[in-house]
Amino acid sequence: MKKPAFRKKSGAAPEEAFEPAAVEPAEAAEPARAAVKLPGRSAGKTTQSLLAAAVVLAAVLGIAEVRPPAGPAKADGGAAPSTAQVERTAAVCPQPLQGLTGSTTLTAFTPPGTGTGSATGGAGWLSDQAAPATPPTAAPSAPATAPPTGSPSGSPSAAPSGSATPAPDRNAAPADAKLTLAKPGTPATGPATNGDGAPGTGAVATGALAPGFTVTQTTVVTEQRGLGLSGLTCTPESTSFWFAGASTAGDRVDYLSLVNPESSAAVVDIQLYGDKGLIDNDAANGITVAPGSSQSVLLSTLSKGAVTDLAVHVVVRSGRVGAALHAADGSKGADWIPASADPAPTQVLPGLPADTSSARLVVWAPPEDDADLKIQLSGKNGWFTPAGNESIHVKAGMVAAVDLGKVTRDEVAGLRLSPSDDKHAVPVVAGLRVDRTGGNGKSDAAWLTGSNPVGARATVADNRAGASTLFLTSTGDAATVKVTGSAGSGGGTPATKEVQLPAGGTVAIPAPEPAGLNGVFALTVETESGGPVVAARMLALPTKDVPMFTVQALRDDHSTVQVPQAAQDPAVVLR
């Protein structure tokens, strides 16, 4: 058996293929304000100067007549912002698991449009992060050769031999894309690159494929050490990531995958917190991730000994990266620890299966203050406090953990942490390890984390026939959601189901599967009415008598943005 190759660099995709979700609203060409300051002069000279200034402005701006100052122009509808679809979405997937037998699958999906925008065309694709063969060159020192006489400037025939190659279309799939998405509503799936030096993956969607674009990475490992199902939803590159529930004790082998899709180097600090506070280690600071490369960092090389419970904060000092943390506990299970929602006084962790055999809660508090938190579960009838595990105290700047045991009592649940005293609200980060054990004693593990509501719409891409269960928790008032199973990657008709959630309650349903399913399908949740809802999907693929499973939270896809109204106002030059 090979061991993971840590801090091993590999290549990544060109810069232009990886940008955060963005919308390109129509530009409002408002002229710059001009101010003319006149010193004290006689009335006649002042009038002449004003007339001269007006003539100059009219000539420059094309104003047909000189008019007195007018009031500011107002956009239609009282300047209310409009809604537009995003036109470019990007995400980064970590390096596939290294040194272990098994297989990794990547699945991409864009849900059908909701009619809120007008984006059309576009493309969706996945590519290995591969550094350019040569670094970008500087602009040419001499102007390009002039076109031949009689040839219109800018025409194709005008380009001289040896001229610069046109820049690639950043909105079209590259020729070497490993996976392309053909249209909204139908997922595309394929294998990730194998091998100890396999790079991370960049995912990009443009035009009509950008709103709601999501990518899921799933790995099945059948080797005894590292046995388990690992899955995650690929995330946009960023400058800050929080993970709670890592460890370097016992048989744990936890590593952090850093992928830099940019064209410039990134500088990263890795902050580890344990039950005694920040673990100071110079080796964790100033880690340089070269442009278009990936690195794996073994946490045990940074923790200065075995630490049972860790919170990890990835801080990017320069540039942006994609970050993911994988945990493997020998033969007891493995999975990706999902990145947490930002520190907040209340954290909700959805997705506890009914057959949870054990659960361990890990919480971090900031250095500024201790945190006293209530522990509550969301059952079928609402929130309740589990007997014997009513609260947890976390010292400032440290990590606290508690074993909750078989806390679900054979019912599905969500977990909520909230301040014991509303007047003493301290932002925290939380993670929960969940174990499921089969009748033969073999087990697998998954990690849950603090999650935000699904909002208008959220999607998870890789679902298999008879293997997906959806957990829905209403964190406030009763709510109604619509759940849609997409067409399969190889065919099928979408299926939809409406689900009613009681206030504070959790409901679990088998994923609605498309009729005539062929291949994998995506699962989309839309909030139709009521209070906020958090959701998670469990994918269960029992293998060799091991109850393999993984849980991913569904998060708002932010497929639309608010665009402020704007209007031209030529009169501004006279004010």
Protein backbone atom coordinates (compact mmCIF):
# COMPACT_ATOMS: atom_id res chain seq x y z
CA MET A 1 0.00 0.00 0.00
CA LYS A 2 1.26 3.44 -0.88
CA LYS A 3 1.00 6.24 1.60
CA PRO A 4 -0.30 9.68 0.73
CA ALA A 5 2.28 11.92 -0.90
CA PHE A 6 2.20 15.04 1.20
CA ARG A 7 3.20 18.57 0.21
CA LYS A 8 3.69 17.26 -3.28
CA LYS A 9 3.27 19.82 -6.00
CA SER A 10 1.34 19.18 -9.16
CA GLY A 11 0.15 21.36 -12.00
CA ALA A 12 -3.06 23.49 -12.29
CA ALA A 13 -5.16 25.27 -14.96
CA PRO A 14 -4.57 28.74 -16.41
CA GLU A 15 -5.83 31.67 -14.48
CA GLU A 16 -8.62 32.66 -16.77
CA ALA A 17 -10.51 29.43 -16.20
CA PHE A 18 -11.08 29.99 -12.50
CA GLU A 19 -13.02 32.94 -11.23
CA PRO A 20 -15.66 33.27 -8.51
CA ALA A 21 -19.31 33.51 -9.43
CA ALA A 22 -19.88 36.84 -11.09
CA VAL A 23 -22.51 38.72 -12.97
CA GLU A 24 -21.80 41.16 -15.76
CA PRO A 25 -24.60 43.71 -15.58
CA ALA A 26 -25.19 46.28 -18.27
CA GLU A 27 -22.96 49.28 -17.79
CA ALA A 28 -24.38 52.71 -17.14
CA ALA A 29 -22.21 55.21 -19.00
CA GLU A 30 -22.51 58.20 -16.69
CA PRO A 31 -20.20 61.10 -17.62
CA ALA A 32 -17.67 62.14 -15.02
CA ARG A 33 -18.56 65.21 -12.99
CA ALA A 34 -16.72 68.36 -14.10
CA ALA A 35 -16.10 71.34 -11.86
CA VAL A 36 -14.85 74.74 -13.10
CA LYS A 37 -13.39 76.99 -10.40
CA LEU A 38 -13.21 80.70 -11.33
CA PRO A 39 -11.28 83.30 -9.39
CA GLY A 40 -12.98 86.58 -8.63
CA ARG A 41 -13.41 88.61 -11.84
CA SER A 42 -15.68 91.23 -13.28
CA ALA A 43 -19.19 90.18 -14.26
CA GLY A 44 -18.42 90.47 -17.99
CA LYS A 45 -15.29 88.37 -17.83
CA THR A 46 -17.00 85.79 -15.66
CA THR A 47 -19.87 85.49 -18.14
CA GLN A 48 -17.44 85.10 -21.03
CA SER A 49 -15.54 82.40 -19.16
CA LEU A 50 -18.72 80.51 -18.38
CA LEU A 51 -19.83 80.66 -22.01
CA ALA A 52 -16.42 79.45 -23.15
CA ALA A 53 -16.51 76.57 -20.70
CA ALA A 54 -20.00 75.60 -21.89
CA VAL A 55 -18.87 75.64 -25.53
CA VAL A 56 -15.90 73.39 -24.72
CA LEU A 57 -18.08 70.95 -22.78
CA ALA A 58 -20.65 70.90 -25.59
CA ALA A 59 -17.97 70.11 -28.13
CA VAL A 60 -16.45 67.33 -26.04
CA LEU A 61 -19.68 65.66 -24.94
CA GLY A 62 -21.75 66.29 -28.05
CA ILE A 63 -24.45 68.36 -26.29
CA ALA A 64 -26.59 70.08 -28.93
CA GLU A 65 -27.58 73.04 -26.78
CA VAL A 66 -26.54 74.72 -23.57
CA ARG A 67 -29.11 74.10 -20.83
CA PRO A 68 -29.44 75.18 -17.21
CA PRO A 69 -28.51 72.62 -14.51
CA ALA A 70 -31.10 69.88 -14.13
CA GLY A 71 -32.00 67.62 -11.23
CA PRO A 72 -30.42 64.18 -11.01
CA ALA A 73 -31.88 61.59 -13.36
CA LYS A 74 -33.90 58.87 -11.65
CA ALA A 75 -34.03 55.27 -12.78
CA ASP A 76 -37.39 53.72 -13.45
CA GLY A 77 -39.03 52.07 -10.47
CA GLY A 78 -37.51 54.38 -7.85
CA ALA A 79 -33.96 53.06 -8.41
CA ALA A 80 -34.91 49.62 -7.08
CA PRO A 81 -32.28 47.01 -7.90
CA SER A 82 -33.04 44.35 -10.47
CA THR A 83 -32.24 40.64 -10.37
CA ALA A 84 -29.81 39.11 -12.85
CA GLN A 85 -28.38 35.62 -13.27
CA VAL A 86 -24.69 35.06 -12.70
CA GLU A 87 -22.83 34.50 -15.93
CA ARG A 88 -19.71 32.76 -14.68
CA THR A 89 -19.27 30.29 -11.80
CA ALA A 90 -16.08 28.51 -10.73
CA ALA A 91 -15.08 25.95 -8.12
CA VAL A 92 -12.01 23.97 -7.11
CA CYS A 93 -11.95 20.26 -6.23
CA PRO A 94 -9.09 18.85 -4.11
CA GLN A 95 -6.54 16.28 -5.17
CA PRO A 96 -8.09 12.80 -5.28
CA LEU A 97 -7.17 10.50 -2.38
CA GLN A 98 -3.59 9.37 -2.80
CA GLY A 99 -1.89 6.03 -2.23
CA LEU A 100 -5.11 4.05 -1.66
CA THR A 101 -7.05 1.59 -3.78
CA GLY A 102 -10.41 2.81 -4.94
CA SER A 103 -11.97 5.11 -7.47
CA THR A 104 -12.87 8.80 -7.59
CA THR A 105 -15.77 10.19 -9.61
CA LEU A 106 -16.53 13.81 -10.51
CA THR A 107 -20.10 14.87 -11.31
CA ALA A 108 -21.16 18.31 -12.59
CA PHE A 109 -24.68 19.69 -12.83
CA THR A 110 -26.60 22.90 -13.48
CA PRO A 111 -30.32 22.97 -12.59
CA PRO A 112 -32.79 24.23 -15.19
CA GLY A 113 -33.33 28.00 -15.19
CA THR A 114 -35.92 29.64 -12.98
CA GLY A 115 -36.87 32.36 -15.45
CA THR A 116 -35.27 35.14 -13.41
CA GLY A 117 -32.59 35.95 -15.93
CA SER A 118 -31.70 35.96 -19.61
CA ALA A 119 -28.33 34.21 -19.71
CA THR A 120 -28.00 32.01 -22.79
CA GLY A 121 -25.37 29.83 -24.42
CA GLY A 122 -22.22 29.21 -22.43
CA ALA A 123 -20.33 26.07 -21.45
CA GLY A 124 -19.46 23.99 -18.42
CA TRP A 125 -16.27 21.99 -17.99
CA LEU A 126 -13.82 20.33 -15.60
CA SER A 127 -10.05 20.32 -16.14
CA ASP A 128 -7.03 19.04 -14.27
CA GLN A 129 -5.11 21.83 -12.62
CA ALA A 130 -2.09 21.99 -14.93
CA ALA A 131 0.48 24.78 -14.83
CA PRO A 132 1.17 26.48 -18.17
CA ALA A 133 4.13 25.01 -20.06
CA THR A 134 5.74 28.44 -20.15
CA PRO A 135 5.16 31.50 -17.98
CA PRO A 136 3.08 34.35 -19.42
CA THR A 137 5.13 36.62 -21.66
CA ALA A 138 5.28 40.38 -21.40
CA ALA A 139 3.63 42.67 -23.93
CA PRO A 140 5.63 43.02 -27.17
CA SER A 141 8.18 45.83 -27.09
CA ALA A 142 7.44 46.86 -30.68
CA PRO A 143 4.11 47.51 -32.37
CA ALA A 144 2.69 44.86 -34.63
CA THR A 145 3.40 45.11 -38.33
CA ALA A 146 0.94 47.36 -40.16
CA PRO A 147 -1.57 45.63 -42.44
CA PRO A 148 -0.80 45.48 -46.14
CA THR A 149 -1.91 48.42 -48.26
CA GLY A 150 -5.54 48.14 -49.29
CA SER A 151 -6.37 45.61 -46.63
CA PRO A 152 -8.91 46.91 -44.12
CA SER A 153 -7.51 47.30 -40.64
CA GLY A 154 -8.72 44.60 -38.26
CA SER A 155 -9.84 42.18 -41.01
CA PRO A 156 -8.68 38.56 -40.73
CA SER A 157 -6.49 38.91 -43.80
CA ALA A 158 -4.76 41.88 -42.23
CA ALA A 159 -3.02 39.81 -39.55
CA PRO A 160 0.67 39.50 -40.53
CA SER A 161 2.44 36.17 -40.40
CA GLY A 162 4.06 35.62 -37.02
CA SER A 163 1.56 37.81 -35.16
CA ALA A 164 0.51 36.91 -31.63
CA THR A 165 -1.92 33.98 -31.24
CA PRO A 166 -5.41 35.22 -30.33
CA ALA A 167 -6.26 34.82 -26.65
CA PRO A 168 -8.40 31.75 -25.94
CA ASP A 169 -12.09 32.27 -25.33
CA ARG A 170 -12.38 32.24 -21.53
CA ASN A 171 -16.09 31.40 -21.82
CA ALA A 172 -15.60 28.23 -23.89
CA ALA A 173 -14.45 24.79 -22.73
CA PRO A 174 -10.74 24.19 -23.43
CA ALA A 175 -9.75 21.44 -25.82
CA ASP A 176 -8.20 19.38 -23.01
CA ALA A 177 -11.25 19.51 -20.68
CA LYS A 178 -11.69 16.16 -18.96
CA LEU A 179 -15.46 16.56 -18.59
CA THR A 180 -17.97 18.87 -20.26
CA LEU A 181 -21.54 19.71 -19.29
CA ALA A 182 -23.86 19.80 -22.31
CA LYS A 183 -26.99 21.49 -20.95
CA PRO A 184 -28.84 22.45 -17.75
CA GLY A 185 -30.90 19.70 -16.16
CA THR A 186 -28.69 16.73 -17.08
CA PRO A 187 -25.56 15.85 -15.05
CA ALA A 188 -22.23 14.89 -16.56
CA THR A 189 -19.98 12.42 -14.75
CA GLY A 190 -16.54 10.89 -15.23
CA PRO A 191 -13.46 9.59 -13.38
CA ALA A 192 -10.88 11.84 -11.76
CA THR A 193 -7.20 11.52 -12.61
CA ASN A 194 -5.54 8.68 -10.70
CA GLY A 195 -2.06 8.39 -9.23
CA ASP A 196 -0.03 9.69 -6.32
CA GLY A 197 0.65 12.93 -8.17
CA ALA A 198 -2.91 13.53 -9.35
CA PRO A 199 -3.72 17.26 -9.30
CA GLY A 200 -6.83 19.03 -8.11
CA THR A 201 -9.61 19.85 -10.54
CA GLY A 202 -10.93 23.19 -11.72
CA ALA A 203 -14.59 23.57 -12.63
CA VAL A 204 -16.06 26.46 -14.62
CA ALA A 205 -19.49 27.25 -16.09
CA THR A 206 -20.53 30.25 -18.16
CA GLY A 207 -23.71 31.68 -19.64
CA ALA A 208 -26.86 29.61 -19.07
CA LEU A 209 -24.80 26.89 -17.36
CA ALA A 210 -23.45 29.21 -14.65
CA PRO A 211 -26.51 29.74 -12.37
CA GLY A 212 -26.51 26.95 -9.79
CA PHE A 213 -23.50 25.11 -11.27
CA THR A 214 -22.25 22.53 -8.76
CA VAL A 215 -19.64 19.75 -8.73
CA THR A 216 -19.44 16.73 -6.40
CA GLN A 217 -16.36 14.55 -5.87
CA THR A 218 -16.90 11.02 -4.53
CA THR A 219 -14.28 8.37 -3.68
CA VAL A 220 -14.78 4.71 -2.74
CA VAL A 221 -11.79 3.09 -1.01
CA THR A 222 -11.87 -0.68 -0.55
CA GLU A 223 -8.46 -1.19 1.06
CA GLN A 224 -8.72 -2.11 4.75
CA ARG A 225 -6.72 0.90 5.89
CA GLY A 226 -8.65 3.96 4.74
CA LEU A 227 -11.73 1.90 3.97
CA GLY A 228 -14.75 4.11 3.44
CA LEU A 229 -16.75 6.46 1.25
CA SER A 230 -15.49 10.05 0.94
CA GLY A 231 -17.48 12.83 -0.70
CA LEU A 232 -17.58 16.59 -0.89
CA THR A 233 -19.09 19.44 -2.86
CA CYS A 234 -16.30 21.40 -4.53
CA THR A 235 -16.03 25.00 -3.32
CA PRO A 236 -14.96 28.34 -4.83
CA GLU A 237 -11.43 29.46 -4.13
CA SER A 238 -11.22 31.86 -1.19
CA THR A 239 -8.94 33.41 1.42
CA SER A 240 -10.34 31.77 4.58
CA PHE A 241 -11.55 28.25 5.46
CA TRP A 242 -12.58 26.74 8.82
CA PHE A 243 -12.61 23.02 9.65
CA ALA A 244 -13.58 21.46 13.01
CA GLY A 245 -13.08 17.81 13.94
CA ALA A 246 -9.58 17.04 12.66
CA SER A 247 -7.15 14.93 14.71
CA THR A 248 -3.59 13.61 14.82
CA ALA A 249 -4.16 11.00 17.55
CA GLY A 250 -4.39 7.22 17.27
CA ASP A 251 -4.73 5.90 13.74
CA ARG A 252 -5.86 9.23 12.30
CA VAL A 253 -4.19 10.38 9.08
CA ASP A 254 -5.57 13.84 8.31
CA TYR A 255 -4.22 16.02 5.56
CA LEU A 256 -5.06 19.38 4.06
CA SER A 257 -5.26 19.77 0.27
CA LEU A 258 -4.36 23.22 -1.06
CA VAL A 259 -4.97 24.01 -4.74
CA ASN A 260 -3.93 27.30 -6.33
CA PRO A 261 -5.65 27.87 -9.69
CA GLU A 262 -4.34 31.42 -10.04
CA SER A 263 -1.45 32.65 -12.20
CA SER A 264 0.44 34.04 -9.19
CA ALA A 265 1.74 32.30 -6.08
CA ALA A 266 -0.38 32.09 -2.93
CA VAL A 267 0.98 32.38 0.61
CA VAL A 268 -0.94 30.37 3.20
CA ASP A 269 -0.90 30.14 7.00
CA ILE A 270 -2.40 27.06 8.68
CA GLN A 271 -3.59 27.73 12.23
CA LEU A 272 -4.23 24.66 14.41
CA TYR A 273 -6.20 24.95 17.66
CA GLY A 274 -6.41 22.24 20.31
CA ASP A 275 -7.63 21.95 23.90
CA LYS A 276 -4.75 24.17 25.01
CA GLY A 277 -5.20 26.85 22.39
CA LEU A 278 -3.21 27.79 19.30
CA ILE A 279 -0.46 25.32 18.41
CA ASP A 280 2.50 27.49 17.46
CA ASN A 281 4.64 26.06 14.67
CA ASP A 282 6.70 28.10 12.25
CA ALA A 283 6.33 25.38 9.64
CA ALA A 284 2.60 26.18 9.44
CA ASN A 285 3.20 29.79 8.42
CA GLY A 286 4.12 31.24 5.07
CA ILE A 287 3.49 28.09 3.01
CA THR A 288 3.92 29.03 -0.64
CA VAL A 289 1.64 27.34 -3.16
CA ALA A 290 3.02 27.97 -6.63
CA PRO A 291 0.69 29.19 -9.37
CA GLY A 292 -1.24 26.36 -10.98
CA SER A 293 -0.17 23.78 -8.40
CA SER A 294 -1.44 21.59 -5.55
CA GLN A 295 0.03 20.67 -2.17
CA SER A 296 -0.94 18.14 0.50
CA VAL A 297 0.00 19.00 4.06
CA LEU A 298 -0.07 16.24 6.70
CA LEU A 299 -1.44 17.77 9.90
CA SER A 300 0.69 15.56 12.14
CA THR A 301 3.77 17.39 10.82
CA LEU A 302 2.34 20.64 12.22
CA SER A 303 0.64 19.64 15.48
CA LYS A 304 3.76 18.84 17.59
CA GLY A 305 2.45 15.55 18.86
CA ALA A 306 -0.86 13.76 19.04
CA VAL A 307 -3.90 16.02 19.49
CA THR A 308 -7.28 14.33 19.76
CA ASP A 309 -9.49 17.22 18.61
CA LEU A 310 -8.44 20.04 16.32
CA ALA A 311 -9.94 23.07 14.66
CA VAL A 312 -8.10 24.21 11.54
CA HIS A 313 -8.15 27.71 10.07
CA VAL A 314 -6.64 28.22 6.61
CA VAL A 315 -5.69 31.87 6.14
CA VAL A 316 -4.48 33.01 2.72
CA ARG A 317 -2.19 36.01 3.06
CA SER A 318 -1.66 36.45 -0.67
CA GLY A 319 -3.75 35.18 -3.56
CA ARG A 320 -6.62 32.69 -3.31
CA VAL A 321 -6.76 28.91 -3.00
CA GLY A 322 -9.16 26.02 -2.77
CA ALA A 323 -8.82 24.11 0.51
CA ALA A 324 -10.22 20.75 1.67
CA LEU A 325 -9.42 18.56 4.68
CA HIS A 326 -9.53 14.76 4.55
CA ALA A 327 -9.70 12.55 7.64
CA ALA A 328 -9.00 8.81 7.75
CA ASP A 329 -9.27 6.75 10.95
CA GLY A 330 -7.66 3.45 9.99
CA SER A 331 -10.34 0.82 9.42
CA LYS A 332 -12.97 2.87 11.31
CA GLY A 333 -13.86 5.14 8.43
CA ALA A 334 -12.83 8.11 6.33
CA ASP A 335 -14.33 11.18 4.72
CA TRP A 336 -13.74 14.81 3.85
CA ILE A 337 -14.37 17.22 6.71
CA PRO A 338 -16.49 19.94 5.07
CA ALA A 339 -15.55 23.58 5.42
CA SER A 340 -17.71 25.23 8.06
CA ALA A 341 -19.90 28.27 7.82
CA ASP A 342 -18.19 31.39 9.18
CA PRO A 343 -17.93 31.67 12.98
CA ALA A 344 -21.36 32.59 14.42
CA PRO A 345 -23.09 32.46 17.84
CA THR A 346 -25.56 29.87 16.50
CA GLN A 347 -24.53 26.91 14.37
CA VAL A 348 -26.89 24.33 12.86
CA LEU A 349 -25.48 20.98 11.69
CA PRO A 350 -27.97 18.98 9.56
CA GLY A 351 -27.76 15.32 8.56
CA LEU A 352 -27.65 12.95 11.56
CA PRO A 353 -28.82 9.50 10.39
CA ALA A 354 -31.32 7.54 12.49
CA ASP A 355 -28.84 4.67 12.91
CA THR A 356 -26.02 6.83 14.26
CA SER A 357 -23.95 4.57 16.52
CA SER A 358 -21.82 7.36 18.00
CA ALA A 359 -21.26 11.09 17.58
CA ARG A 360 -18.49 13.40 18.76
CA LEU A 361 -18.99 17.18 18.85
CA VAL A 362 -15.98 19.50 18.45
CA VAL A 363 -16.33 23.27 19.05
CA TRP A 364 -13.85 26.15 18.81
CA ALA A 365 -14.22 29.56 20.52
CA PRO A 366 -12.33 32.74 19.57
CA PRO A 367 -9.47 34.06 21.73
CA GLU A 368 -11.56 37.03 22.88
CA ASP A 369 -14.06 35.18 25.10
CA ASP A 370 -15.34 31.86 26.45
CA ALA A 371 -18.48 30.36 24.92
CA ASP A 372 -21.33 28.70 26.81
CA LEU A 373 -23.64 26.89 24.44
CA LYS A 374 -26.89 24.96 24.56
CA ILE A 375 -27.01 21.66 22.66
CA GLN A 376 -30.33 20.90 21.00
CA LEU A 377 -31.58 18.33 18.53
CA SER A 378 -34.26 18.80 15.91
CA GLY A 379 -36.55 15.77 15.85
CA LYS A 380 -39.76 15.04 14.01
CA ASN A 381 -41.75 17.39 16.28
CA GLY A 382 -39.28 20.23 16.86
CA TRP A 383 -36.27 21.16 18.99
CA PHE A 384 -35.45 19.31 22.21
CA THR A 385 -32.50 18.98 24.61
CA PRO A 386 -30.80 15.56 24.72
CA ALA A 387 -30.67 14.16 28.25
CA GLY A 388 -27.17 14.22 29.71
CA ASN A 389 -25.79 16.50 26.97
CA GLU A 390 -27.53 19.79 27.63
CA SER A 391 -24.60 22.18 27.14
CA ILE A 392 -20.90 22.63 26.38
CA HIS A 393 -18.38 25.18 27.72
CA VAL A 394 -15.53 26.27 25.43
CA LYS A 395 -12.61 28.28 26.76
CA ALA A 396 -11.40 31.30 24.81
CA GLY A 397 -9.11 30.38 21.91
CA MET A 398 -9.45 26.67 22.57
CA VAL A 399 -11.28 23.55 21.40
CA ALA A 400 -13.74 21.56 23.51
CA ALA A 401 -15.23 18.19 22.58
CA VAL A 402 -17.90 15.89 23.96
CA ASP A 403 -19.01 12.37 23.10
CA LEU A 404 -22.76 12.36 22.48
CA GLY A 405 -23.04 8.59 22.01
CA LYS A 406 -26.11 7.27 20.25
CA VAL A 407 -27.71 10.67 20.53
CA THR A 408 -30.37 10.31 17.83
CA ARG A 409 -32.16 7.38 19.54
CA ASP A 410 -33.02 5.84 16.15
CA GLU A 411 -34.55 9.02 14.73
CA VAL A 412 -33.10 11.39 12.16
CA ALA A 413 -32.03 14.76 13.53
CA GLY A 414 -30.23 18.03 13.09
CA LEU A 415 -28.06 19.55 15.82
CA ARG A 416 -28.06 23.18 16.96
CA LEU A 417 -25.63 25.08 19.16
CA SER A 418 -26.83 28.44 20.52
CA PRO A 419 -25.78 30.80 23.35
CA SER A 420 -26.90 29.73 26.83
CA ASP A 421 -27.31 33.45 27.52
CA ASP A 422 -28.57 35.56 24.63
CA LYS A 423 -26.70 38.54 26.08
CA HIS A 424 -23.41 36.64 25.85
CA ALA A 425 -23.24 35.59 22.20
CA VAL A 426 -19.80 34.36 21.10
CA PRO A 427 -19.11 33.31 17.47
CA VAL A 428 -17.99 29.67 17.29
CA VAL A 429 -17.08 26.98 14.75
CA ALA A 430 -18.47 23.46 15.16
CA GLY A 431 -18.02 20.01 13.63
CA LEU A 432 -19.58 16.64 14.37
CA ARG A 433 -18.16 13.20 13.64
CA VAL A 434 -20.92 10.63 12.99
CA ASP A 435 -20.31 6.87 12.91
CA ARG A 436 -22.56 4.11 11.54
CA THR A 437 -21.81 0.50 12.47
CA GLY A 438 -23.01 -2.63 10.69
CA GLY A 439 -24.13 -5.88 12.28
CA ASN A 440 -20.64 -7.31 11.85
CA GLY A 441 -19.07 -4.46 13.82
CA LYS A 442 -17.52 -2.79 10.79
CA SER A 443 -18.08 0.97 10.56
CA ASP A 444 -17.65 4.10 8.51
CA ALA A 445 -17.56 7.76 9.53
CA ALA A 446 -18.71 11.10 8.14
CA TRP A 447 -18.27 14.65 9.38
CA LEU A 448 -20.99 17.30 9.59
CA THR A 449 -20.45 21.02 10.04
CA GLY A 450 -22.21 24.31 10.68
CA SER A 451 -24.28 25.15 7.60
CA ASN A 452 -26.28 28.05 6.20
CA PRO A 453 -29.89 27.77 4.92
CA VAL A 454 -30.47 26.51 1.39
CA GLY A 455 -32.10 29.83 0.51
CA ALA A 456 -33.96 29.92 -2.77
CA ARG A 457 -32.24 26.85 -4.23
CA ALA A 458 -29.44 24.38 -3.52
CA THR A 459 -28.16 21.27 -5.30
CA VAL A 460 -25.96 18.22 -4.74
CA ALA A 461 -24.81 16.48 -7.90
CA ASP A 462 -23.86 12.82 -7.40
CA ASN A 463 -26.80 10.57 -6.40
CA ARG A 464 -27.23 6.88 -7.10
CA ALA A 465 -30.32 4.68 -7.43
CA GLY A 466 -31.63 3.66 -4.01
CA ALA A 467 -28.63 5.20 -2.23
CA SER A 468 -29.53 8.81 -1.41
CA THR A 469 -31.46 10.13 1.61
CA LEU A 470 -32.31 13.79 2.08
CA PHE A 471 -32.40 15.39 5.56
CA LEU A 472 -34.42 18.62 5.87
CA THR A 473 -34.49 20.75 9.04
CA SER A 474 -36.66 23.84 9.52
CA THR A 475 -34.65 26.08 11.84
CA GLY A 476 -37.55 28.47 12.58
CA ASP A 477 -41.13 28.55 11.36
CA ALA A 478 -42.78 25.70 9.49
CA ALA A 479 -41.70 25.54 5.86
CA THR A 480 -42.53 23.97 2.52
CA VAL A 481 -39.83 22.86 0.10
CA LYS A 482 -39.80 21.35 -3.37
CA VAL A 483 -37.37 18.50 -4.00
CA THR A 484 -36.42 17.54 -7.57
CA GLY A 485 -34.49 14.53 -8.80
CA SER A 486 -33.01 15.50 -12.16
CA ALA A 487 -32.76 13.40 -15.28
CA GLY A 488 -30.00 10.82 -15.10
CA SER A 489 -26.63 11.31 -16.73
CA GLY A 490 -27.63 8.56 -19.17
CA GLY A 491 -31.35 9.23 -19.35
CA GLY A 492 -34.54 9.46 -17.33
CA THR A 493 -37.44 11.81 -16.56
CA PRO A 494 -37.12 14.24 -13.60
CA ALA A 495 -39.23 13.59 -10.49
CA THR A 496 -40.51 16.21 -8.03
CA LYS A 497 -41.86 16.00 -4.49
CA GLU A 498 -43.23 18.65 -2.11
CA VAL A 499 -42.29 18.29 1.57
CA GLN A 500 -43.91 19.98 4.58
CA LEU A 501 -41.65 20.69 7.58
CA PRO A 502 -42.96 21.47 11.09
CA ALA A 503 -41.42 24.39 12.96
CA GLY A 504 -38.02 23.30 14.24
CA GLY A 505 -38.56 19.79 12.87
CA THR A 506 -36.44 17.40 10.81
CA VAL A 507 -37.74 15.15 8.04
CA ALA A 508 -35.82 12.50 6.11
CA ILE A 509 -37.01 11.28 2.71
CA PRO A 510 -35.56 8.96 0.08
CA ALA A 511 -34.39 11.08 -2.82
CA PRO A 512 -37.07 11.25 -5.54
CA GLU A 513 -35.57 9.32 -8.45
CA PRO A 514 -36.21 10.04 -12.11
CA ALA A 515 -38.34 7.54 -13.99
CA GLY A 516 -36.21 5.36 -16.27
CA LEU A 517 -33.04 6.40 -14.43
CA ASN A 518 -29.81 5.62 -16.23
CA GLY A 519 -26.61 6.78 -14.54
CA VAL A 520 -26.37 9.27 -11.68
CA PHE A 521 -28.73 12.16 -10.98
CA ALA A 522 -28.73 15.48 -9.13
CA LEU A 523 -30.94 16.52 -6.24
CA THR A 524 -32.24 20.11 -5.96
CA VAL A 525 -34.06 21.68 -3.01
CA GLU A 526 -36.08 24.90 -3.38
CA THR A 527 -37.69 26.80 -0.49
CA GLU A 528 -41.28 27.61 -1.46
CA SER A 529 -42.62 29.17 1.76
CA GLY A 530 -42.09 29.49 5.50
CA GLY A 531 -38.94 29.78 7.57
CA PRO A 532 -35.31 28.99 6.72
CA VAL A 533 -34.35 25.39 5.96
CA VAL A 534 -31.00 23.60 6.22
CA ALA A 535 -30.47 20.38 4.29
CA ALA A 536 -28.01 17.53 3.88
CA ARG A 537 -27.79 14.51 1.58
CA MET A 538 -26.52 11.09 2.75
CA LEU A 539 -25.12 8.81 0.06
CA ALA A 540 -24.90 5.21 1.36
CA LEU A 541 -23.01 2.57 -0.67
CA PRO A 542 -22.49 -0.53 1.48
CA THR A 543 -19.37 -2.41 0.36
CA LYS A 544 -17.84 -5.60 1.79
CA ASP A 545 -20.31 -5.56 4.69
CA VAL A 546 -19.20 -2.02 5.61
CA PRO A 547 -22.00 0.60 5.88
CA MET A 548 -20.11 3.12 3.74
CA PHE A 549 -21.69 6.56 3.69
CA THR A 550 -20.94 10.24 3.25
CA VAL A 551 -23.00 13.35 4.07
CA GLN A 552 -22.95 16.69 2.22
CA ALA A 553 -24.82 19.83 3.25
CA LEU A 554 -26.75 21.64 0.52
CA ARG A 555 -25.99 25.34 0.33
CA ASP A 556 -27.61 28.29 -1.42
CA ASP A 557 -26.31 28.31 -4.99
CA HIS A 558 -26.48 32.14 -5.21
CA SER A 559 -27.47 31.86 -8.86
CA THR A 560 -28.78 35.42 -8.98
CA VAL A 561 -27.44 38.79 -7.84
CA GLN A 562 -28.96 42.21 -7.25
CA VAL A 563 -27.93 44.82 -9.84
CA PRO A 564 -28.49 48.51 -8.98
CA GLN A 565 -30.44 50.66 -11.42
CA ALA A 566 -28.49 53.34 -13.28
CA ALA A 567 -29.30 56.00 -15.85
CA GLN A 568 -27.34 58.41 -18.03
CA ASP A 569 -27.36 62.03 -16.85
CA PRO A 570 -25.47 64.35 -19.28
CA ALA A 571 -26.58 67.42 -17.25
CA VAL A 572 -24.20 66.36 -14.47
CA VAL A 573 -21.38 68.21 -16.24
CA LEU A 574 -23.12 71.54 -15.57
CA ARG A 575 -23.73 70.96 -11.86
